[in-house]
């Protein structure tokens, strides 16, 4: 598990939410879409870290 990767993913998620909200406020569909993309990327990063953690746990138990 990499804390740095999780922190980066969390920061990207927050940035994406802020950008999506800004897009909603300003009516800019591009900002809104880019914000959603950043949130999806963050979720993928978190999932990858979860998989790494689970694999490490399985290896440690073997």
Protein backbone atom coordinates (compact mmCIF):
# COMPACT_ATOMS: atom_id res chain seq x y z
CA UNK A 1 0.00 0.00 0.00
CA UNK A 2 1.32 3.35 -0.93
CA UNK A 3 0.05 6.18 1.20
CA UNK A 4 1.37 8.62 -1.40
CA UNK A 5 -0.76 7.02 -4.13
CA UNK A 6 -3.84 7.14 -1.93
CA UNK A 7 -3.20 10.80 -1.05
CA UNK A 8 -2.76 11.62 -4.74
CA UNK A 9 -6.01 9.83 -5.58
CA UNK A 10 -7.88 11.64 -2.82
CA UNK A 11 -6.52 15.00 -3.96
CA UNK A 12 -7.52 14.22 -7.56
CA UNK A 13 -11.00 13.27 -6.39
CA UNK A 14 -11.41 16.54 -4.47
CA UNK A 15 -10.06 18.51 -7.43
CA UNK A 16 -12.49 16.73 -9.72
CA UNK A 17 -15.46 17.46 -7.47
CA UNK A 18 -14.49 21.13 -7.28
CA UNK A 19 -14.05 21.33 -11.06
CA UNK A 20 -17.39 19.62 -11.66
CA UNK A 21 -19.11 22.03 -9.25
CA UNK A 22 -17.45 25.00 -10.95
CA UNK A 23 -18.70 23.71 -14.29
CA UNK A 24 -22.22 23.50 -12.90
CA UNK A 25 -22.06 27.00 -11.45
CA UNK A 26 -20.60 28.59 -14.58
CA UNK A 27 -22.53 26.42 -17.02
CA UNK A 28 -19.30 25.14 -18.57
CA UNK A 29 -19.90 21.55 -19.71
CA UNK A 30 -16.19 20.97 -20.39
CA UNK A 31 -15.22 21.75 -16.78
CA UNK A 32 -18.06 19.58 -15.57
CA UNK A 33 -16.95 16.64 -17.74
CA UNK A 34 -13.27 17.02 -16.86
CA UNK A 35 -14.19 17.06 -13.17
CA UNK A 36 -16.11 13.82 -13.54
CA UNK A 37 -13.18 12.24 -15.41
CA UNK A 38 -10.81 13.17 -12.60
CA UNK A 39 -13.15 11.55 -10.09
CA UNK A 40 -13.24 8.34 -12.13
CA UNK A 41 -9.44 8.35 -12.39
CA UNK A 42 -9.22 8.76 -8.61
CA UNK A 43 -11.56 5.82 -8.08
CA UNK A 44 -9.42 3.68 -10.40
CA UNK A 45 -6.31 4.64 -8.41
CA UNK A 46 -8.02 3.70 -5.13
CA UNK A 47 -9.17 0.39 -6.59
CA UNK A 48 -5.65 -0.38 -7.81
CA UNK A 49 -4.28 0.29 -4.33
CA UNK A 50 -6.98 -1.94 -2.80
CA UNK A 51 -6.02 -4.75 -5.19
CA UNK A 52 -2.33 -4.33 -4.34
CA UNK A 53 -3.17 -4.48 -0.63
CA UNK A 54 -5.27 -7.62 -1.07
CA UNK A 55 -2.57 -9.35 -3.14
CA UNK A 56 0.03 -8.48 -0.53
CA UNK A 57 -2.22 -9.88 2.22
CA UNK A 58 -2.75 -13.10 0.25
CA UNK A 59 1.00 -13.49 -0.30
CA UNK A 60 1.72 -12.81 3.37
CA UNK A 61 -0.78 -15.52 4.40
CA UNK A 62 0.72 -18.13 2.05
